[in-house]
Amino acid sequence: MLFELSAKIVEIQVDSFFIGFSSGEDNELYFVILRDEFYIKEALPNVKSVYWEIDDQSWGEYGEIKEVT
């Protein structure tokens, strides 16, 4: 699956290992990536420990990320 989003807003929360991209103030379209708390101490995480979500939880899962540019 290829997903393209022109993000106007980028939010980074270092403490919770979260990065989010949004299309605008209404968050109509968004893409978030966050780490599973169990694996936070790993410098290079196992891909299965990274959760991603697009627009709502029905389009999210652990792992299966190949590239973010």
PDB file of N, CA and C in Angstrom:
ATOM      1  N   MET A   1       0.845  -1.178   0.000  1.00  0.00           N
ATOM      2  CA  MET A   1       0.000   0.000   0.000  1.00  0.00           C
ATOM      3  C   MET A   1       0.884   1.231   0.000  1.00  0.00           C
ATOM      4  N   LEU A   2       0.574   2.177  -0.818  1.00  0.00           N
ATOM      5  CA  LEU A   2       1.279   3.444  -0.876  1.00  0.00           C
ATOM      6  C   LEU A   2       0.344   4.520  -0.363  1.00  0.00           C
ATOM      7  N   PHE A   3       0.840   5.326   0.576  1.00  0.00           N
ATOM      8  CA  PHE A   3       0.038   6.393   1.168  1.00  0.00           C
ATOM      9  C   PHE A   3       0.821   7.679   1.028  1.00  0.00           C
ATOM     10  N   GLU A   4       0.214   8.714   0.463  1.00  0.00           N
ATOM     11  CA  GLU A   4       0.885   9.995   0.293  1.00  0.00           C
ATOM     12  C   GLU A   4       0.104  11.061   1.038  1.00  0.00           C
ATOM     13  N   LEU A   5       0.823  11.877   1.803  1.00  0.00           N
ATOM     14  CA  LEU A   5       0.202  12.933   2.608  1.00  0.00           C
ATOM     15  C   LEU A   5       1.103  14.150   2.586  1.00  0.00           C
ATOM     16  N   SER A   6       0.562  15.291   2.229  1.00  0.00           N
ATOM     17  CA  SER A   6       1.300  16.549   2.330  1.00  0.00           C
ATOM     18  C   SER A   6       0.985  17.136   3.695  1.00  0.00           C
ATOM     19  N   ALA A   7       1.909  16.989   4.617  1.00  0.00           N
ATOM     20  CA  ALA A   7       1.669  17.374   6.009  1.00  0.00           C
ATOM     21  C   ALA A   7       1.911  18.859   6.223  1.00  0.00           C
ATOM     22  N   LYS A   8       0.931  19.523   6.805  1.00  0.00           N
ATOM     23  CA  LYS A   8       1.073  20.916   7.204  1.00  0.00           C
ATOM     24  C   LYS A   8       1.514  21.016   8.652  1.00  0.00           C
ATOM     25  N   ILE A   9       1.227  19.966   9.431  1.00  0.00           N
ATOM     26  CA  ILE A   9       1.572  19.946  10.851  1.00  0.00           C
ATOM     27  C   ILE A   9       2.375  18.680  11.142  1.00  0.00           C
ATOM     28  N   VAL A  10       3.486  18.830  11.841  1.00  0.00           N
ATOM     29  CA  VAL A  10       4.295  17.706  12.288  1.00  0.00           C
ATOM     30  C   VAL A  10       4.443  17.828  13.796  1.00  0.00           C
ATOM     31  N   GLU A  11       4.166  16.739  14.518  1.00  0.00           N
ATOM     32  CA  GLU A  11       4.298  16.744  15.979  1.00  0.00           C
ATOM     33  C   GLU A  11       5.234  15.618  16.393  1.00  0.00           C
ATOM     34  N   ILE A  12       6.200  15.954  17.236  1.00  0.00           N
ATOM     35  CA  ILE A  12       7.144  14.967  17.759  1.00  0.00           C
ATOM     36  C   ILE A  12       7.082  15.012  19.276  1.00  0.00           C
ATOM     37  N   GLN A  13       6.885  13.855  19.898  1.00  0.00           N
ATOM     38  CA  GLN A  13       6.895  13.730  21.353  1.00  0.00           C
ATOM     39  C   GLN A  13       8.012  12.756  21.707  1.00  0.00           C
ATOM     40  N   VAL A  14       9.176  13.299  22.044  1.00  0.00           N
ATOM     41  CA  VAL A  14      10.358  12.483  22.296  1.00  0.00           C
ATOM     42  C   VAL A  14      10.139  11.527  23.461  1.00  0.00           C
ATOM     43  N   ASP A  15       9.490  11.978  24.524  1.00  0.00           N
ATOM     44  CA  ASP A  15       9.288  11.144  25.718  1.00  0.00           C
ATOM     45  C   ASP A  15       8.473   9.888  25.437  1.00  0.00           C
ATOM     46  N   SER A  16       7.535   9.969  24.514  1.00  0.00           N
ATOM     47  CA  SER A  16       6.677   8.812  24.224  1.00  0.00           C
ATOM     48  C   SER A  16       7.001   8.160  22.878  1.00  0.00           C
ATOM     49  N   PHE A  17       8.125   8.566  22.268  1.00  0.00           N
ATOM     50  CA  PHE A  17       8.559   7.987  20.993  1.00  0.00           C
ATOM     51  C   PHE A  17       7.442   8.039  19.950  1.00  0.00           C
ATOM     52  N   PHE A  18       6.882   9.228  19.760  1.00  0.00           N
ATOM     53  CA  PHE A  18       5.744   9.458  18.868  1.00  0.00           C
ATOM     54  C   PHE A  18       6.122  10.491  17.826  1.00  0.00           C
ATOM     55  N   ILE A  19       5.747  10.258  16.575  1.00  0.00           N
ATOM     56  CA  ILE A  19       5.848  11.275  15.543  1.00  0.00           C
ATOM     57  C   ILE A  19       4.557  11.230  14.737  1.00  0.00           C
ATOM     58  N   GLY A  20       3.982  12.391  14.495  1.00  0.00           N
ATOM     59  CA  GLY A  20       2.714  12.446  13.778  1.00  0.00           C
ATOM     60  C   GLY A  20       2.729  13.518  12.699  1.00  0.00           C
ATOM     61  N   PHE A  21       2.044  13.246  11.617  1.00  0.00           N
ATOM     62  CA  PHE A  21       1.925  14.165  10.499  1.00  0.00           C
ATOM     63  C   PHE A  21       0.447  14.377  10.236  1.00  0.00           C
ATOM     64  N   SER A  22       0.039  15.631  10.000  1.00  0.00           N
ATOM     65  CA  SER A  22      -1.371  15.932   9.795  1.00  0.00           C
ATOM     66  C   SER A  22      -1.535  16.868   8.607  1.00  0.00           C
ATOM     67  N   SER A  23      -2.674  16.736   7.926  1.00  0.00           N
ATOM     68  CA  SER A  23      -2.958  17.575   6.759  1.00  0.00           C
ATOM     69  C   SER A  23      -3.396  18.982   7.148  1.00  0.00           C
ATOM     70  N   GLY A  24      -3.773  19.190   8.397  1.00  0.00           N
ATOM     71  CA  GLY A  24      -4.201  20.519   8.817  1.00  0.00           C
ATOM     72  C   GLY A  24      -4.769  20.524  10.213  1.00  0.00           C
ATOM     73  N   GLU A  25      -5.311  21.650  10.623  1.00  0.00           N
ATOM     74  CA  GLU A  25      -5.803  21.818  11.988  1.00  0.00           C
ATOM     75  C   GLU A  25      -6.940  20.870  12.340  1.00  0.00           C
ATOM     76  N   ASP A  26      -7.726  20.465  11.373  1.00  0.00           N
ATOM     77  CA  ASP A  26      -8.853  19.574  11.648  1.00  0.00           C
ATOM     78  C   ASP A  26      -8.421  18.108  11.705  1.00  0.00           C
ATOM     79  N   ASN A  27      -7.136  17.816  11.432  1.00  0.00           N
ATOM     80  CA  ASN A  27      -6.604  16.451  11.432  1.00  0.00           C
ATOM     81  C   ASN A  27      -7.404  15.523  10.529  1.00  0.00           C
ATOM     82  N   GLU A  28      -7.937  16.061   9.449  1.00  0.00           N
ATOM     83  CA  GLU A  28      -8.746  15.250   8.532  1.00  0.00           C
ATOM     84  C   GLU A  28      -7.958  14.032   8.041  1.00  0.00           C
ATOM     85  N   LEU A  29      -6.712  14.241   7.666  1.00  0.00           N
ATOM     86  CA  LEU A  29      -5.833  13.148   7.255  1.00  0.00           C
ATOM     87  C   LEU A  29      -4.604  13.178   8.160  1.00  0.00           C
ATOM     88  N   TYR A  30      -4.186  12.014   8.637  1.00  0.00           N
ATOM     89  CA  TYR A  30      -2.991  11.982   9.478  1.00  0.00           C
ATOM     90  C   TYR A  30      -2.270  10.648   9.363  1.00  0.00           C
ATOM     91  N   PHE A  31      -1.027  10.654   9.780  1.00  0.00           N
ATOM     92  CA  PHE A  31      -0.197   9.454   9.810  1.00  0.00           C
ATOM     93  C   PHE A  31       0.647   9.541  11.077  1.00  0.00           C
ATOM     94  N   VAL A  32       0.603   8.527  11.917  1.00  0.00           N
ATOM     95  CA  VAL A  32       1.395   8.514  13.150  1.00  0.00           C
ATOM     96  C   VAL A  32       2.232   7.237  13.226  1.00  0.00           C
ATOM     97  N   ILE A  33       3.377   7.368  13.872  1.00  0.00           N
ATOM     98  CA  ILE A  33       4.265   6.239  14.143  1.00  0.00           C
ATOM     99  C   ILE A  33       4.649   6.332  15.608  1.00  0.00           C
ATOM    100  N   LEU A  34       4.568   5.220  16.345  1.00  0.00           N
ATOM    101  CA  LEU A  34       5.017   5.214  17.721  1.00  0.00           C
ATOM    102  C   LEU A  34       5.585   3.863  18.098  1.00  0.00           C
ATOM    103  N   ARG A  35       6.444   3.876  19.118  1.00  0.00           N
ATOM    104  CA  ARG A  35       7.111   2.660  19.572  1.00  0.00           C
ATOM    105  C   ARG A  35       6.315   1.988  20.675  1.00  0.00           C
ATOM    106  N   ASP A  36       6.328   0.673  20.700  1.00  0.00           N
ATOM    107  CA  ASP A  36       5.748  -0.094  21.792  1.00  0.00           C
ATOM    108  C   ASP A  36       6.609   0.147  23.037  1.00  0.00           C
ATOM    109  N   GLU A  37       6.002   0.454  24.162  1.00  0.00           N
ATOM    110  CA  GLU A  37       6.735   0.762  25.394  1.00  0.00           C
ATOM    111  C   GLU A  37       7.682  -0.357  25.823  1.00  0.00           C
ATOM    112  N   PHE A  38       7.346  -1.594  25.509  1.00  0.00           N
ATOM    113  CA  PHE A  38       8.161  -2.729  25.917  1.00  0.00           C
ATOM    114  C   PHE A  38       9.538  -2.711  25.253  1.00  0.00           C
ATOM    115  N   TYR A  39       9.642  -2.127  24.061  1.00  0.00           N
ATOM    116  CA  TYR A  39      10.882  -2.134  23.286  1.00  0.00           C
ATOM    117  C   TYR A  39      11.617  -0.799  23.270  1.00  0.00           C
ATOM    118  N   ILE A  40      11.228   0.156  24.077  1.00  0.00           N
ATOM    119  CA  ILE A  40      11.791   1.503  24.025  1.00  0.00           C
ATOM    120  C   ILE A  40      13.301   1.527  24.231  1.00  0.00           C
ATOM    121  N   LYS A  41      13.859   0.634  25.032  1.00  0.00           N
ATOM    122  CA  LYS A  41      15.289   0.663  25.313  1.00  0.00           C
ATOM    123  C   LYS A  41      16.147   0.161  24.155  1.00  0.00           C
ATOM    124  N   GLU A  42      15.575  -0.484  23.158  1.00  0.00           N
ATOM    125  CA  GLU A  42      16.327  -0.953  22.006  1.00  0.00           C
ATOM    126  C   GLU A  42      16.681   0.217  21.097  1.00  0.00           C
ATOM    127  N   ALA A  43      17.981   0.340  20.762  1.00  0.00           N
ATOM    128  CA  ALA A  43      18.411   1.435  19.889  1.00  0.00           C
ATOM    129  C   ALA A  43      17.827   1.298  18.483  1.00  0.00           C
ATOM    130  N   LEU A  44      17.869   0.108  17.928  1.00  0.00           N
ATOM    131  CA  LEU A  44      17.270  -0.169  16.624  1.00  0.00           C
ATOM    132  C   LEU A  44      16.142  -1.156  16.844  1.00  0.00           C
ATOM    133  N   PRO A  45      14.914  -0.671  16.823  1.00  0.00           N
ATOM    134  CA  PRO A  45      13.791  -1.538  17.191  1.00  0.00           C
ATOM    135  C   PRO A  45      13.493  -2.624  16.169  1.00  0.00           C
ATOM    136  N   ASN A  46      12.961  -3.698  16.666  1.00  0.00           N
ATOM    137  CA  ASN A  46      12.377  -4.707  15.802  1.00  0.00           C
ATOM    138  C   ASN A  46      11.178  -4.029  15.138  1.00  0.00           C
ATOM    139  N   VAL A  47      11.029  -4.178  13.840  1.00  0.00           N
ATOM    140  CA  VAL A  47       9.944  -3.503  13.118  1.00  0.00           C
ATOM    141  C   VAL A  47       8.583  -3.847  13.709  1.00  0.00           C
ATOM    142  N   LYS A  48       8.423  -5.027  14.252  1.00  0.00           N
ATOM    143  CA  LYS A  48       7.136  -5.431  14.842  1.00  0.00           C
ATOM    144  C   LYS A  48       6.802  -4.634  16.102  1.00  0.00           C
ATOM    145  N   SER A  49       7.780  -3.895  16.656  1.00  0.00           N
ATOM    146  CA  SER A  49       7.521  -3.091  17.850  1.00  0.00           C
ATOM    147  C   SER A  49       7.097  -1.662  17.511  1.00  0.00           C
ATOM    148  N   VAL A  50       7.005  -1.350  16.226  1.00  0.00           N
ATOM    149  CA  VAL A  50       6.630  -0.006  15.786  1.00  0.00           C
ATOM    150  C   VAL A  50       5.181  -0.046  15.296  1.00  0.00           C
ATOM    151  N   TYR A  51       4.339   0.820  15.880  1.00  0.00           N
ATOM    152  CA  TYR A  51       2.930   0.903  15.506  1.00  0.00           C
ATOM    153  C   TYR A  51       2.740   2.089  14.577  1.00  0.00           C
ATOM    154  N   TRP A  52       1.980   1.898  13.534  1.00  0.00           N
ATOM    155  CA  TRP A  52       1.641   2.994  12.641  1.00  0.00           C
ATOM    156  C   TRP A  52       0.126   3.040  12.461  1.00  0.00           C
ATOM    157  N   GLU A  53      -0.356   4.238  12.160  1.00  0.00           N
ATOM    158  CA  GLU A  53      -1.805   4.421  11.993  1.00  0.00           C
ATOM    159  C   GLU A  53      -2.051   5.497  10.947  1.00  0.00           C
ATOM    160  N   ILE A  54      -3.033   5.263  10.077  1.00  0.00           N
ATOM    161  CA  ILE A  54      -3.432   6.221   9.049  1.00  0.00           C
ATOM    162  C   ILE A  54      -4.912   6.542   9.241  1.00  0.00           C
ATOM    163  N   ASP A  55      -5.209   7.789   9.531  1.00  0.00           N
ATOM    164  CA  ASP A  55      -6.571   8.337   9.606  1.00  0.00           C
ATOM    165  C   ASP A  55      -7.480   7.771  10.697  1.00  0.00           C
ATOM    166  N   ASP A  56      -7.402   6.527  11.055  1.00  0.00           N
ATOM    167  CA  ASP A  56      -8.123   5.994  12.206  1.00  0.00           C
ATOM    168  C   ASP A  56      -7.547   4.620  12.539  1.00  0.00           C
ATOM    169  N   GLN A  57      -7.965   4.046  13.648  1.00  0.00           N
ATOM    170  CA  GLN A  57      -7.365   2.796  14.097  1.00  0.00           C
ATOM    171  C   GLN A  57      -7.649   1.614  13.174  1.00  0.00           C
ATOM    172  N   SER A  58      -8.622   1.730  12.298  1.00  0.00           N
ATOM    173  CA  SER A  58      -8.883   0.622  11.380  1.00  0.00           C
ATOM    174  C   SER A  58      -7.794   0.513  10.307  1.00  0.00           C
ATOM    175  N   TRP A  59      -6.964   1.542  10.162  1.00  0.00           N
ATOM    176  CA  TRP A  59      -5.843   1.527   9.230  1.00  0.00           C
ATOM    177  C   TRP A  59      -4.531   1.586   9.993  1.00  0.00           C
ATOM    178  N   GLY A  60      -4.371   0.755  10.989  1.00  0.00           N
ATOM    179  CA  GLY A  60      -3.138   0.743  11.762  1.00  0.00           C
ATOM    180  C   GLY A  60      -2.757  -0.659  12.164  1.00  0.00           C
ATOM    181  N   GLU A  61      -1.451  -0.874  12.396  1.00  0.00           N
ATOM    182  CA  GLU A  61      -0.977  -2.168  12.848  1.00  0.00           C
ATOM    183  C   GLU A  61       0.480  -2.052  13.275  1.00  0.00           C
ATOM    184  N   TYR A  62       1.004  -3.116  13.849  1.00  0.00           N
ATOM    185  CA  TYR A  62       2.410  -3.180  14.215  1.00  0.00           C
ATOM    186  C   TYR A  62       3.214  -3.740  13.047  1.00  0.00           C
ATOM    187  N   GLY A  63       4.366  -3.142  12.792  1.00  0.00           N
ATOM    188  CA  GLY A  63       5.280  -3.637  11.771  1.00  0.00           C
ATOM    189  C   GLY A  63       4.844  -3.306  10.361  1.00  0.00           C
ATOM    190  N   GLU A  64       5.455  -3.988   9.413  1.00  0.00           N
ATOM    191  CA  GLU A  64       5.143  -3.905   7.988  1.00  0.00           C
ATOM    192  C   GLU A  64       5.452  -2.541   7.384  1.00  0.00           C
ATOM    193  N   ILE A  65       6.269  -1.690   8.026  1.00  0.00           N
ATOM    194  CA  ILE A  65       6.675  -0.421   7.442  1.00  0.00           C
ATOM    195  C   ILE A  65       7.949  -0.679   6.656  1.00  0.00           C
ATOM    196  N   LYS A  66       7.964  -0.276   5.398  1.00  0.00           N
ATOM    197  CA  LYS A  66       9.147  -0.463   4.578  1.00  0.00           C
ATOM    198  C   LYS A  66       9.914   0.839   4.405  1.00  0.00           C
ATOM    199  N   GLU A  67       9.205   1.976   4.305  1.00  0.00           N
ATOM    200  CA  GLU A  67       9.897   3.231   4.050  1.00  0.00           C
ATOM    201  C   GLU A  67       8.991   4.412   4.390  1.00  0.00           C
ATOM    202  N   VAL A  68       9.594   5.449   4.980  1.00  0.00           N
ATOM    203  CA  VAL A  68       8.920   6.731   5.207  1.00  0.00           C
ATOM    204  C   VAL A  68       9.864   7.791   4.686  1.00  0.00           C
ATOM    205  N   THR A  69       9.406   8.576   3.714  1.00  0.00           N
ATOM    206  CA  THR A  69      10.266   9.623   3.134  1.00  0.00           C
ATOM    207  C   THR A  69       9.613  10.972   3.220  1.00  0.00           C
TER     208      THR A  69
END
